[in-house]
Each structure stands twice: as structure tokens, then as C-alpha cells.
C-alpha atoms as a PDB file:
ATOM      1  CA  MET A   1     -10.019 -56.845 -78.376  1.00  0.00           C
ATOM      2  CA  SER A   2      -7.547 -54.189 -77.299  1.00  0.00           C
ATOM      3  CA  GLN A   3      -7.297 -53.182 -73.644  1.00  0.00           C
ATOM      4  CA  SER A   4      -7.489 -49.532 -72.618  1.00  0.00           C
ATOM      5  CA  PRO A   5      -4.313 -48.036 -71.185  1.00  0.00           C
ATOM      6  CA  VAL A   6      -3.977 -47.624 -67.465  1.00  0.00           C
ATOM      7  CA  ASN A   7      -4.876 -44.133 -66.399  1.00  0.00           C
ATOM      8  CA  ASN A   8      -1.835 -41.982 -67.011  1.00  0.00           C
ATOM      9  CA  GLN A   9      -2.525 -39.657 -64.092  1.00  0.00           C
ATOM     10  CA  ASN A  10      -2.698 -42.528 -61.626  1.00  0.00           C
ATOM     11  CA  LEU A  11       0.641 -43.894 -62.802  1.00  0.00           C
ATOM     12  CA  ARG A  12       2.262 -40.510 -62.571  1.00  0.00           C
ATOM     13  CA  ILE A  13       0.967 -40.257 -58.958  1.00  0.00           C
ATOM     14  CA  LEU A  14       2.425 -43.672 -58.270  1.00  0.00           C
ATOM     15  CA  LEU A  15       5.885 -42.735 -59.689  1.00  0.00           C
ATOM     16  CA  ILE A  16       5.860 -39.443 -57.680  1.00  0.00           C
ATOM     17  CA  LEU A  17       5.034 -41.389 -54.518  1.00  0.00           C
ATOM     18  CA  ILE A  18       7.836 -43.883 -55.070  1.00  0.00           C
ATOM     19  CA  VAL A  19      10.483 -41.187 -55.721  1.00  0.00           C
ATOM     20  CA  THR A  20       9.185 -39.118 -52.726  1.00  0.00           C
ATOM     21  CA  PHE A  21       9.349 -42.202 -50.532  1.00  0.00           C
ATOM     22  CA  ALA A  22      12.871 -42.975 -51.640  1.00  0.00           C
ATOM     23  CA  ALA A  23      14.031 -39.449 -51.233  1.00  0.00           C
ATOM     24  CA  THR A  24      12.488 -38.745 -47.815  1.00  0.00           C
ATOM     25  CA  VAL A  25      12.673 -42.074 -45.963  1.00  0.00           C
ATOM     26  CA  LEU A  26      16.400 -42.550 -46.762  1.00  0.00           C
ATOM     27  CA  PHE A  27      17.235 -39.257 -45.201  1.00  0.00           C
ATOM     28  CA  VAL A  28      15.267 -39.385 -41.985  1.00  0.00           C
ATOM     29  CA  PRO A  29      17.498 -38.162 -39.157  1.00  0.00           C
ATOM     30  CA  THR A  30      19.239 -41.100 -37.515  1.00  0.00           C
ATOM     31  CA  SER A  31      21.258 -39.416 -34.814  1.00  0.00           C
ATOM     32  CA  GLN A  32      20.824 -42.399 -32.410  1.00  0.00           C
ATOM     33  CA  ALA A  33      22.034 -44.833 -35.042  1.00  0.00           C
ATOM     34  CA  LYS A  34      24.972 -42.566 -35.937  1.00  0.00           C
ATOM     35  CA  GLY A  35      25.945 -42.397 -32.268  1.00  0.00           C
ATOM     36  CA  ALA A  36      25.838 -46.167 -31.950  1.00  0.00           C
ATOM     37  CA  ALA A  37      27.877 -46.416 -35.154  1.00  0.00           C
ATOM     38  CA  GLN A  38      30.625 -44.257 -33.661  1.00  0.00           C
ATOM     39  CA  ILE A  39      30.768 -46.461 -30.601  1.00  0.00           C
ATOM     40  CA  ASN A  40      30.631 -49.738 -32.544  1.00  0.00           C
ATOM     41  CA  SER A  41      33.312 -48.546 -35.015  1.00  0.00           C
ATOM     42  CA  VAL A  42      35.804 -48.762 -32.141  1.00  0.00           C
ATOM     43  CA  ASN A  43      34.486 -51.973 -30.539  1.00  0.00           C
ATOM     44  CA  ALA A  44      33.307 -53.760 -33.656  1.00  0.00           C
ATOM     45  CA  SER A  45      34.190 -57.279 -34.361  1.00  0.00           C
ATOM     46  CA  PRO A  46      36.272 -57.831 -37.516  1.00  0.00           C
ATOM     47  CA  VAL A  47      33.616 -60.319 -38.770  1.00  0.00           C
ATOM     48  CA  ASP A  48      30.094 -59.188 -39.385  1.00  0.00           C
ATOM     49  CA  PRO A  49      27.652 -61.730 -37.886  1.00  0.00           C
ATOM     50  CA  HIS A  50      25.271 -61.105 -40.729  1.00  0.00           C
ATOM     51  CA  LYS A  51      27.927 -61.456 -43.471  1.00  0.00           C
ATOM     52  CA  ASP A  52      26.727 -64.776 -44.814  1.00  0.00           C
ATOM     53  CA  SER A  53      23.105 -63.690 -44.830  1.00  0.00           C
ATOM     54  CA  SER A  54      23.885 -60.422 -46.652  1.00  0.00           C
ATOM     55  CA  GLU A  55      25.875 -62.264 -49.285  1.00  0.00           C
ATOM     56  CA  GLN A  56      23.099 -64.744 -49.795  1.00  0.00           C
ATOM     57  CA  ASN A  57      20.621 -61.861 -50.322  1.00  0.00           C
ATOM     58  CA  HIS A  58      22.849 -60.438 -53.069  1.00  0.00           C
ATOM     59  CA  HIS A  59      23.347 -63.889 -54.711  1.00  0.00           C
ATOM     60  CA  ILE A  60      19.586 -64.679 -54.855  1.00  0.00           C
ATOM     61  CA  ALA A  61      18.918 -61.299 -56.307  1.00  0.00           C
ATOM     62  CA  GLY A  62      21.707 -61.920 -58.833  1.00  0.00           C
ATOM     63  CA  PHE A  63      20.164 -65.261 -59.935  1.00  0.00           C
ATOM     64  CA  ALA A  64      16.792 -63.505 -60.430  1.00  0.00           C
ATOM     65  CA  LEU A  65      18.410 -60.883 -62.719  1.00  0.00           C
ATOM     66  CA  ILE A  66      20.265 -63.580 -64.686  1.00  0.00           C
ATOM     67  CA  GLY A  67      16.934 -65.261 -65.249  1.00  0.00           C
ATOM     68  CA  VAL A  68      15.361 -61.942 -66.421  1.00  0.00           C
ATOM     69  CA  GLY A  69      18.122 -61.379 -68.916  1.00  0.00           C
ATOM     70  CA  LEU A  70      17.984 -64.906 -70.323  1.00  0.00           C
ATOM     71  CA  MET A  71      14.158 -64.859 -70.679  1.00  0.00           C
ATOM     72  CA  VAL A  72      14.244 -61.427 -72.450  1.00  0.00           C
ATOM     73  CA  ILE A  73      16.931 -62.546 -74.912  1.00  0.00           C
ATOM     74  CA  ALA A  74      15.122 -65.893 -75.546  1.00  0.00           C
ATOM     75  CA  GLY A  75      11.892 -63.990 -76.293  1.00  0.00           C
ATOM     76  CA  ASN A  76      13.656 -61.682 -78.629  1.00  0.00           C
ATOM     77  CA  VAL A  77      15.318 -64.493 -80.572  1.00  0.00           C
ATOM     78  CA  SER A  78      12.492 -66.972 -80.874  1.00  0.00           C
ATOM     79  CA  PRO A  79       8.917 -66.029 -81.772  1.00  0.00           C
ATOM     80  CA  ARG A  80       7.793 -69.183 -79.966  1.00  0.00           C
ATOM     81  CA  LEU A  81       9.154 -67.783 -76.781  1.00  0.00           C
ATOM     82  CA  ARG A  82       7.505 -64.383 -76.957  1.00  0.00           C
ATOM     83  CA  PHE A  83       5.226 -65.462 -74.102  1.00  0.00           C
ATOM     84  CA  LEU A  84       8.187 -65.071 -71.781  1.00  0.00           C
ATOM     85  CA  ARG A  85       7.651 -61.321 -71.849  1.00  0.00           C
ATOM     86  CA  TYR A  86       4.667 -61.977 -69.611  1.00  0.00           C
ATOM     87  CA  LEU A  87       6.721 -64.172 -67.209  1.00  0.00           C
ATOM     88  CA  TRP A  88      10.043 -62.429 -66.620  1.00  0.00           C
ATOM     89  CA  PRO A  89       8.423 -59.427 -64.816  1.00  0.00           C
ATOM     90  CA  ALA A  90       7.395 -61.961 -62.116  1.00  0.00           C
ATOM     91  CA  LEU A  91      11.061 -62.482 -61.218  1.00  0.00           C
ATOM     92  CA  PHE A  92      11.367 -58.812 -60.380  1.00  0.00           C
ATOM     93  CA  ILE A  93       8.313 -59.026 -58.152  1.00  0.00           C
ATOM     94  CA  LEU A  94       9.459 -62.238 -56.461  1.00  0.00           C
ATOM     95  CA  ALA A  95      12.964 -60.759 -55.868  1.00  0.00           C
ATOM     96  CA  GLY A  96      11.381 -57.632 -54.416  1.00  0.00           C
ATOM     97  CA  ILE A  97       9.187 -59.664 -52.099  1.00  0.00           C
ATOM     98  CA  PHE A  98      12.120 -61.753 -50.961  1.00  0.00           C
ATOM     99  CA  LEU A  99      14.162 -58.629 -50.348  1.00  0.00           C
ATOM    100  CA  ALA A 100      11.354 -57.052 -48.359  1.00  0.00           C
ATOM    101  CA  VAL A 101      10.851 -60.093 -46.163  1.00  0.00           C
ATOM    102  CA  TRP A 102      14.336 -61.551 -45.732  1.00  0.00           C
ATOM    103  CA  SER A 103      16.928 -58.891 -46.256  1.00  0.00           C
ATOM    104  CA  ASP A 104      17.481 -57.969 -42.595  1.00  0.00           C
ATOM    105  CA  ALA A 105      17.825 -60.489 -39.807  1.00  0.00           C
ATOM    106  CA  GLU A 106      16.372 -58.266 -37.107  1.00  0.00           C
ATOM    107  CA  ILE A 107      13.370 -56.801 -39.018  1.00  0.00           C
ATOM    108  CA  TRP A 108       9.993 -58.493 -38.988  1.00  0.00           C
ATOM    109  CA  PRO A 109       8.994 -61.014 -40.314  1.00  0.00           C
ATOM    110  CA  ARG A 110      12.378 -62.528 -40.295  1.00  0.00           C
ATOM    111  CA  GLY A 111      13.319 -60.897 -36.949  1.00  0.00           C
ATOM    112  CA  ASN A 112      11.533 -59.514 -33.967  1.00  0.00           C
ATOM    113  CA  VAL A 113      11.796 -55.789 -34.611  1.00  0.00           C
ATOM    114  CA  SER A 114       9.003 -53.808 -36.220  1.00  0.00           C
ATOM    115  CA  TRP A 115       9.429 -51.743 -39.378  1.00  0.00           C
ATOM    116  CA  GLY A 116       9.101 -48.597 -37.343  1.00  0.00           C
ATOM    117  CA  TRP A 117      12.732 -49.200 -36.233  1.00  0.00           C
ATOM    118  CA  LEU A 118      14.178 -49.104 -39.730  1.00  0.00           C
ATOM    119  CA  LEU A 119      12.159 -46.018 -40.619  1.00  0.00           C
ATOM    120  CA  HIS A 120      13.787 -44.045 -37.803  1.00  0.00           C
ATOM    121  CA  HIS A 121      17.065 -45.644 -36.931  1.00  0.00           C
ATOM    122  CA  ASP A 122      18.423 -48.280 -39.414  1.00  0.00           C
ATOM    123  CA  ALA A 123      19.468 -46.623 -42.639  1.00  0.00           C
ATOM    124  CA  GLU A 124      20.877 -49.836 -44.270  1.00  0.00           C
ATOM    125  CA  ALA A 125      17.717 -51.807 -43.663  1.00  0.00           C
ATOM    126  CA  ARG A 126      15.629 -48.878 -44.836  1.00  0.00           C
ATOM    127  CA  MET A 127      17.598 -48.878 -48.125  1.00  0.00           C
ATOM    128  CA  HIS A 128      16.948 -52.544 -48.618  1.00  0.00           C
ATOM    129  CA  LYS A 129      13.195 -52.036 -48.335  1.00  0.00           C
ATOM    130  CA  VAL A 130      13.312 -49.149 -50.833  1.00  0.00           C
ATOM    131  CA  TYR A 131      15.054 -51.514 -53.331  1.00  0.00           C
ATOM    132  CA  ALA A 132      12.358 -54.109 -52.611  1.00  0.00           C
ATOM    133  CA  ILE A 133       9.732 -51.598 -53.555  1.00  0.00           C
ATOM    134  CA  LEU A 134      11.497 -50.530 -56.668  1.00  0.00           C
ATOM    135  CA  LEU A 135      11.821 -54.162 -57.882  1.00  0.00           C
ATOM    136  CA  ILE A 136       8.126 -54.871 -57.289  1.00  0.00           C
ATOM    137  CA  VAL A 137       7.008 -51.743 -59.020  1.00  0.00           C
ATOM    138  CA  MET A 138       9.363 -52.317 -61.985  1.00  0.00           C
ATOM    139  CA  GLY A 139       7.954 -55.876 -62.365  1.00  0.00           C
ATOM    140  CA  ILE A 140       4.319 -54.649 -62.248  1.00  0.00           C
ATOM    141  CA  LEU A 141       5.023 -51.896 -64.814  1.00  0.00           C
ATOM    142  CA  GLU A 142       6.793 -54.245 -67.165  1.00  0.00           C
ATOM    143  CA  TYR A 143       3.928 -56.708 -66.960  1.00  0.00           C
ATOM    144  CA  LEU A 144       1.437 -53.980 -67.777  1.00  0.00           C
ATOM    145  CA  ARG A 145       3.762 -52.878 -70.612  1.00  0.00           C
ATOM    146  CA  ALA A 146       3.747 -56.363 -72.087  1.00  0.00           C
ATOM    147  CA  ARG A 147      -0.029 -56.502 -71.890  1.00  0.00           C
ATOM    148  CA  GLY A 148      -0.369 -53.175 -73.734  1.00  0.00           C
ATOM    149  CA  ARG A 149      -1.858 -51.362 -70.710  1.00  0.00           C
ATOM    150  CA  LEU A 150       0.585 -48.448 -70.675  1.00  0.00           C
ATOM    151  CA  ASN A 151       0.622 -45.425 -72.913  1.00  0.00           C
ATOM    152  CA  ARG A 152       3.841 -44.513 -74.818  1.00  0.00           C
ATOM    153  CA  TRP A 153       5.279 -42.284 -72.162  1.00  0.00           C
ATOM    154  CA  TRP A 154       5.147 -44.982 -69.511  1.00  0.00           C
ATOM    155  CA  GLN A 155       6.343 -47.680 -71.949  1.00  0.00           C
ATOM    156  CA  VAL A 156       9.447 -45.592 -72.697  1.00  0.00           C
ATOM    157  CA  TRP A 157      10.332 -43.913 -69.474  1.00  0.00           C
ATOM    158  CA  SER A 158       9.090 -45.924 -66.473  1.00  0.00           C
ATOM    159  CA  PHE A 159      11.760 -48.666 -66.420  1.00  0.00           C
ATOM    160  CA  PRO A 160      14.768 -46.462 -67.279  1.00  0.00           C
ATOM    161  CA  LEU A 161      13.841 -43.879 -64.655  1.00  0.00           C
ATOM    162  CA  LEU A 162      13.375 -46.496 -61.954  1.00  0.00           C
ATOM    163  CA  ALA A 163      16.569 -48.219 -63.020  1.00  0.00           C
ATOM    164  CA  LEU A 164      18.526 -44.919 -62.841  1.00  0.00           C
ATOM    165  CA  LEU A 165      16.970 -44.144 -59.462  1.00  0.00           C
ATOM    166  CA  GLY A 166      18.068 -47.592 -58.144  1.00  0.00           C
ATOM    167  CA  ALA A 167      21.558 -47.134 -59.488  1.00  0.00           C
ATOM    168  CA  SER A 168      21.865 -43.621 -58.008  1.00  0.00           C
ATOM    169  CA  LEU A 169      20.709 -44.788 -54.586  1.00  0.00           C
ATOM    170  CA  LEU A 170      23.828 -46.953 -54.438  1.00  0.00           C
ATOM    171  CA  LEU A 171      25.859 -43.762 -53.936  1.00  0.00           C
ATOM    172  CA  VAL A 172      24.292 -43.455 -50.409  1.00  0.00           C
ATOM    173  CA  HIS A 173      24.018 -47.138 -49.690  1.00  0.00           C
ATOM    174  CA  ASP A 174      26.341 -47.448 -46.560  1.00  0.00           C
ATOM    175  CA  HIS A 175      27.281 -50.876 -45.294  1.00  0.00           C
ATOM    176  CA  THR A 176      29.525 -49.396 -42.613  1.00  0.00           C
ATOM    177  CA  ALA A 177      26.675 -47.788 -40.637  1.00  0.00           C
ATOM    178  CA  SER A 178      25.540 -49.529 -37.449  1.00  0.00           C
ATOM    179  CA  SER A 179      21.924 -50.675 -37.222  1.00  0.00           C
ATOM    180  CA  GLY A 180      21.845 -49.650 -33.559  1.00  0.00           C
ATOM    181  CA  ILE A 181      20.124 -52.894 -32.758  1.00  0.00           C
ATOM    182  CA  ASP A 182      22.104 -53.261 -29.487  1.00  0.00           C
ATOM    183  CA  SER A 183      20.869 -49.916 -28.147  1.00  0.00           C
ATOM    184  CA  PRO A 184      18.268 -49.843 -25.322  1.00  0.00           C
ATOM    185  CA  GLU A 185      15.868 -47.935 -27.624  1.00  0.00           C
ATOM    186  CA  VAL A 186      15.207 -51.018 -29.649  1.00  0.00           C
ATOM    187  CA  ARG A 187      13.072 -52.478 -26.826  1.00  0.00           C
ATOM    188  CA  ALA A 188      10.295 -50.056 -27.746  1.00  0.00           C
ATOM    189  CA  TYR A 189      10.078 -51.705 -31.197  1.00  0.00           C
ATOM    190  CA  ILE A 190      10.308 -55.364 -30.090  1.00  0.00           C
ATOM    191  CA  ILE A 191       7.244 -57.370 -31.239  1.00  0.00           C
ATOM    192  CA  ASN A 192       7.549 -60.421 -28.975  1.00  0.00           C
ATOM    193  CA  PRO A 193       9.008 -59.496 -25.536  1.00  0.00           C
ATOM    194  CA  ALA A 194      10.105 -63.117 -24.967  1.00  0.00           C
ATOM    195  CA  LEU A 195      12.564 -63.020 -27.927  1.00  0.00           C
ATOM    196  CA  ASP A 196      15.642 -60.943 -28.735  1.00  0.00           C
ATOM    197  CA  PRO A 197      15.677 -58.592 -31.759  1.00  0.00           C
ATOM    198  CA  GLU A 198      16.659 -61.384 -34.079  1.00  0.00           C
ATOM    199  CA  GLY A 199      13.923 -63.719 -32.865  1.00  0.00           C
ATOM    200  CA  ASN A 200      16.026 -65.922 -30.669  1.00  0.00           C
ATOM    201  CA  PRO A 201      14.817 -66.891 -27.106  1.00  0.00           C
ATOM    202  CA  LEU A 202      16.082 -64.601 -24.387  1.00  0.00           C
ATOM    203  CA  SER A 203      18.627 -65.949 -22.023  1.00  0.00           C
ATOM    204  CA  GLN A 204      17.813 -66.548 -18.386  1.00  0.00           C
ATOM    205  CA  SER A 205      19.768 -63.470 -17.263  1.00  0.00           C
ATOM    206  CA  ASP A 206      17.852 -61.337 -19.783  1.00  0.00           C
ATOM    207  CA  ARG A 207      14.508 -62.630 -18.573  1.00  0.00           C
ATOM    208  CA  GLU A 208      15.505 -61.942 -14.929  1.00  0.00           C
ATOM    209  CA  GLY A 209      16.412 -58.397 -15.911  1.00  0.00           C
ATOM    210  CA  PRO A 210      13.227 -56.819 -14.411  1.00  0.00           C
ATOM    211  CA  ALA A 211      13.597 -58.812 -11.196  1.00  0.00           C
ATOM    212  CA  ALA A 212      17.180 -57.676 -10.875  1.00  0.00           C
ATOM    213  CA  ALA A 213      16.197 -54.175 -11.414  1.00  0.00           C
ATOM    214  CA  ALA A 214      13.653 -54.368  -8.595  1.00  0.00           C
ATOM    215  CA  THR A 215      16.416 -55.353  -6.131  1.00  0.00           C
ATOM    216  CA  ALA A 216      18.724 -52.595  -7.361  1.00  0.00           C
ATOM    217  CA  PRO A 217      17.489 -50.023  -4.721  1.00  0.00           C
ATOM    218  CA  MET A 218      18.409 -52.365  -1.872  1.00  0.00           C
ATOM    219  CA  ALA A 219      21.928 -52.796  -3.226  1.00  0.00           C
ATOM    220  CA  ALA A 220      22.313 -49.040  -4.013  1.00  0.00           C
ATOM    221  CA  SER A 221      22.870 -47.939  -0.373  1.00  0.00           C
ATOM    222  CA  THR A 222      25.561 -50.507   0.021  1.00  0.00           C
ATOM    223  CA  SER A 223      27.413 -49.494  -3.062  1.00  0.00           C
ATOM    224  CA  ASP A 224      27.224 -45.722  -2.424  1.00  0.00           C
ATOM    225  CA  HIS A 225      30.044 -45.874   0.095  1.00  0.00           C
ATOM    226  CA  ALA A 226      32.278 -47.870  -2.194  1.00  0.00           C
ATOM    227  CA  SER A 227      31.407 -45.556  -5.051  1.00  0.00           C
ATOM    228  CA  SER A 228      32.552 -42.450  -3.145  1.00  0.00           C
ATOM    229  CA  MET A 229      35.870 -44.134  -2.331  1.00  0.00           C
ATOM    230  CA  ASP A 230      36.409 -45.113  -5.925  1.00  0.00           C
ATOM    231  CA  HIS A 231      35.606 -41.589  -7.213  1.00  0.00           C
ATOM    232  CA  ASP A 232      38.842 -40.124  -5.971  1.00  0.00           C
ATOM    233  CA  MET A 233      40.802 -42.982  -7.514  1.00  0.00           C
ATOM    234  CA  MET A 234      39.108 -42.474 -10.815  1.00  0.00           C
ATOM    235  CA  ASN A 235      40.032 -38.810 -10.880  1.00  0.00           C
ATOM    236  CA  MET A 236      43.684 -39.676 -10.150  1.00  0.00           C
ATOM    237  CA  ASP A 237      43.747 -42.212 -13.020  1.00  0.00           C
ATOM    238  CA  HIS A 238      41.923 -39.967 -15.417  1.00  0.00           C
ATOM    239  CA  ALA A 239      45.023 -38.296 -16.815  1.00  0.00           C
ATOM    240  CA  ASN A 240      46.784 -41.640 -17.190  1.00  0.00           C
ATOM    241  CA  MET A 241      43.796 -43.034 -19.051  1.00  0.00           C
ATOM    242  CA  GLN A 242      43.820 -40.172 -21.547  1.00  0.00           C
ATOM    243  CA  MET A 243      47.457 -40.645 -22.248  1.00  0.00           C
ATOM    244  CA  SER A 244      47.120 -44.369 -22.736  1.00  0.00           C
ATOM    245  CA  ASP A 245      44.107 -44.002 -25.013  1.00  0.00           C
ATOM    246  CA  MET A 246      45.958 -41.799 -27.583  1.00  0.00           C
ATOM    247  CA  PRO A 247      48.278 -44.520 -28.952  1.00  0.00           C
ATOM    248  CA  MET A 248      45.375 -47.016 -29.013  1.00  0.00           C
ATOM    249  CA  GLN A 249      43.437 -44.762 -31.402  1.00  0.00           C
ATOM    250  CA  ASN A 250      46.244 -45.094 -33.950  1.00  0.00           C
ATOM    251  CA  ALA A 251      47.028 -48.737 -33.293  1.00  0.00           C
ATOM    252  CA  PRO A 252      47.438 -50.522 -36.575  1.00  0.00           C
ATOM    253  CA  ASP A 253      45.969 -53.748 -35.130  1.00  0.00           C
ATOM    254  CA  SER A 254      42.598 -52.285 -34.133  1.00  0.00           C
ATOM    255  CA  PRO A 255      39.472 -54.154 -35.351  1.00  0.00           C
ATOM    256  CA  HIS A 256      38.425 -51.110 -37.328  1.00  0.00           C
ATOM    257  CA  SER A 257      41.618 -51.193 -39.318  1.00  0.00           C
ATOM    258  CA  HIS A 258      41.028 -54.869 -40.150  1.00  0.00           C
ATOM    259  CA  MET A 259      37.551 -54.048 -41.415  1.00  0.00           C
ATOM    260  CA  ALA A 260      38.829 -51.316 -43.745  1.00  0.00           C
ATOM    261  CA  PRO A 261      39.818 -53.637 -46.677  1.00  0.00           C
ATOM    262  CA  ALA A 262      36.345 -55.364 -46.511  1.00  0.00           C
ATOM    263  CA  MET A 263      34.568 -51.970 -46.580  1.00  0.00           C
ATOM    264  CA  MET A 264      36.671 -50.898 -49.535  1.00  0.00           C
ATOM    265  CA  ARG A 265      35.780 -54.075 -51.430  1.00  0.00           C
ATOM    266  CA  ILE A 266      32.072 -53.560 -50.704  1.00  0.00           C
ATOM    267  CA  GLU A 267      32.284 -49.904 -51.955  1.00  0.00           C
ATOM    268  CA  ARG A 268      34.070 -51.009 -55.052  1.00  0.00           C
ATOM    269  CA  GLU A 269      31.472 -53.762 -55.801  1.00  0.00           C
ATOM    270  CA  HIS A 270      28.616 -51.343 -55.331  1.00  0.00           C
ATOM    271  CA  PHE A 271      30.258 -48.813 -57.638  1.00  0.00           C
ATOM    272  CA  TRP A 272      30.286 -51.445 -60.400  1.00  0.00           C
ATOM    273  CA  PHE A 273      26.622 -52.274 -59.626  1.00  0.00           C
ATOM    274  CA  MET A 274      25.800 -48.626 -60.152  1.00  0.00           C
ATOM    275  CA  ILE A 275      27.706 -48.400 -63.454  1.00  0.00           C
ATOM    276  CA  VAL A 276      25.974 -51.481 -64.949  1.00  0.00           C
ATOM    277  CA  GLY A 277      22.616 -50.364 -63.597  1.00  0.00           C
ATOM    278  CA  ILE A 278      22.955 -46.946 -65.337  1.00  0.00           C
ATOM    279  CA  ALA A 279      23.940 -48.721 -68.582  1.00  0.00           C
ATOM    280  CA  ILE A 280      20.837 -50.977 -68.324  1.00  0.00           C
ATOM    281  CA  GLY A 281      18.613 -47.940 -67.985  1.00  0.00           C
ATOM    282  CA  ILE A 282      20.163 -46.176 -70.936  1.00  0.00           C
ATOM    283  CA  PHE A 283      19.964 -49.117 -73.307  1.00  0.00           C
ATOM    284  CA  LYS A 284      16.410 -49.965 -72.202  1.00  0.00           C
ATOM    285  CA  LEU A 285      15.416 -46.364 -73.037  1.00  0.00           C
ATOM    286  CA  LEU A 286      17.072 -46.608 -76.446  1.00  0.00           C
ATOM    287  CA  ASP A 287      15.294 -49.884 -77.122  1.00  0.00           C
ATOM    288  CA  ASP A 288      11.829 -48.873 -75.954  1.00  0.00           C
ATOM    289  CA  ALA A 289      11.926 -45.435 -77.556  1.00  0.00           C
ATOM    290  CA  LYS A 290      13.270 -46.860 -80.838  1.00  0.00           C
ATOM    291  CA  PHE A 291      15.918 -44.155 -80.829  1.00  0.00           C
ATOM    292  CA  TRP A 292      18.285 -46.647 -82.336  1.00  0.00           C
ATOM    293  CA  ARG A 293      16.648 -49.476 -84.286  1.00  0.00           C
ATOM    294  CA  SER A 294      19.153 -52.309 -83.949  1.00  0.00           C
ATOM    295  CA  SER A 295      19.064 -55.887 -82.662  1.00  0.00           C
ATOM    296  CA  VAL A 296      22.267 -55.023 -80.795  1.00  0.00           C
ATOM    297  CA  VAL A 297      20.384 -52.447 -78.693  1.00  0.00           C
ATOM    298  CA  ALA A 298      17.505 -54.882 -78.134  1.00  0.00           C
ATOM    299  CA  HIS A 299      19.972 -57.450 -76.730  1.00  0.00           C
ATOM    300  CA  ALA A 300      22.262 -54.961 -74.946  1.00  0.00           C
ATOM    301  CA  TRP A 301      20.143 -54.235 -71.862  1.00  0.00           C
ATOM    302  CA  PRO A 302      19.227 -57.879 -71.102  1.00  0.00           C
ATOM    303  CA  THR A 303      22.837 -58.839 -71.599  1.00  0.00           C
ATOM    304  CA  LEU A 304      23.809 -56.109 -69.115  1.00  0.00           C
ATOM    305  CA  MET A 305      21.131 -57.468 -66.816  1.00  0.00           C
ATOM    306  CA  ILE A 306      22.911 -60.792 -66.881  1.00  0.00           C
ATOM    307  CA  VAL A 307      26.231 -59.146 -66.190  1.00  0.00           C
ATOM    308  CA  LEU A 308      24.769 -57.349 -63.139  1.00  0.00           C
ATOM    309  CA  GLY A 309      23.323 -60.663 -61.982  1.00  0.00           C
ATOM    310  CA  VAL A 310      26.719 -62.345 -62.249  1.00  0.00           C
ATOM    311  CA  LEU A 311      28.338 -59.523 -60.350  1.00  0.00           C
ATOM    312  CA  LEU A 312      25.711 -59.947 -57.583  1.00  0.00           C
ATOM    313  CA  THR A 313      26.306 -63.666 -57.401  1.00  0.00           C
ATOM    314  CA  LEU A 314      30.085 -62.992 -56.984  1.00  0.00           C
ATOM    315  CA  TYR A 315      29.428 -60.427 -54.244  1.00  0.00           C
ATOM    316  CA  ARG A 316      31.611 -60.862 -51.142  1.00  0.00           C
ATOM    317  CA  GLU A 317      31.929 -58.813 -47.924  1.00  0.00           C
END
């Protein structure tokens, strides 16, 4: 008994919502985060504390894509394995769920900061969640396609369009931007006040912060006199500070200069992710639309999926 196709109008509304979400959420003004990024670019450590976690996220996503490619090829080659077409979309969905939950150390449920923070301040984390949504939706649509629940337009265009959208978003995926997680504003998005943004217990000094703030007025009168004396000295030293700062901005040994090669490598890796992603979308379109009836085309896009998975497993920051 054949199953009726999913309502075409509902699916179009879903696709419009996804594209709108990706286009609007990614470009929410993040002036606070940009300001923090400018400060952190000078004082940043040469080693990203989340480097290992970020690489692990890419590697796990890569293994999922390798599994997808192998299952698709196996289903194409052997009639006995055609049932795999119902299973490989689950890898997209699982990878999307993993990315949504685990991609950012400070964002709930992995961290202690609500999703409201990434919607308004953290562009990199916001991008990760958009990719999570894309993977989940692609998996759902491909499962519906395998079950014969999509009409021809959605069978042909849904996966290629979402793949091209994901590849294009890599053009604005910035790993150099600061999350701004160290700014005071993040306290308004903390879920558990007893923990820091990444879910670690607060130190004793942090816990005593409110008590120390209560005693601040008592110490203020004592420090006013010293502050007035120091003010003149600060004015006298201001010119010398400006002169001494100028060479430091061009110092070749600054932490920012050490980070430049790593950032260039990340941009180069994401460029190739984008190229392979676009090729996957094109060959998937040719295969689904039967524009070019050839076994080469049928195997091209899953092979490229494996290539993209391998590139992700080799990702380094």
C-alpha cells in the first residue's frame, strides 16, 4: 500500500523557516562580542583552551559522514543492503543532536550558559547550532525520501539546497571571534549561580564577591585620597605610555602573531570543506533528478561524503 506524500506546502514552510533562521540569527548584532574580541585579540593566549574539544567535534562529525558515504555506496552496490537507505539518515540526525548538545563548552547542557547568550553574543556557537539544525533536517528529509513520502520537487531539491546552504555558511564561519564569555554580561545568562560559565564550581574568591562588594564603600573613603595623589602621576606618565605602546603593537612576538598561522590553517581547512560540500550538493542533484544516468554519478556524491568525512577527521587547529 503506497503512502501519501507529505504535504508540499508544509515542507516549503519548513524550508523557508530554516533558511530564514540561518540568515537572520547568524547576523544578529554582536557589538558586545566584537568589543570583547578586540580586547582578547591583544591579550589572547596562543593556545585556545577549547582546542581539543573543537577538534573532537569535527572528528566525530567526520566519522558520521564517512559512515553515511559507506552505507549509501553499499546500498547502491548490493540489493541485499538496500535497507541501509532507511538507516544512514539516522547518522545525520545523531550528528546534529551531538553538535547541538556538545559543540560549545559554555552553552547548556554542556555548560552553564543559556542559549539566549549565543543568540545575542556568541556568533561561533550560534553557527554550530545552525549546522546542527541543518544536519537534523537533512536526515529527516532523506528518511522521508527513502519511505516515498516526498513529492518529486522535494526528492530532487531538498538535500542539494541544504547542502549548498551549509557549504555557503562556511564563508562566514569565524573561528577568530571571541565568545565574550569572560564579560560581565554573561552573568545574566548563567543557569546555576554556583557554577562558572563552563559548569565548574566557583572559587572561594568568586563566591565571596558579593560580600567583598558590600565592604567596598567602607574602603572607598580611604582610597579616595590615594587616588587623587596617583591621578597627577598618571597624567605625567600618560605620554610615556603612549610612546611605549606603539612598538608593542608591531612586536613580532605578540601572542596574536603566534595565532596567525593557526587561523590561516583553520580558514584553509574550512575552504576545502566548502568546496567538497558544494560538490556533494551538485552530484546529489544530478543523481536524484536523473539529469545524468550513470553509476558514476550515483557513487560520486557518497564518495565525496567520505572525502569530506576524512577531511573533518584530519581537522587541526
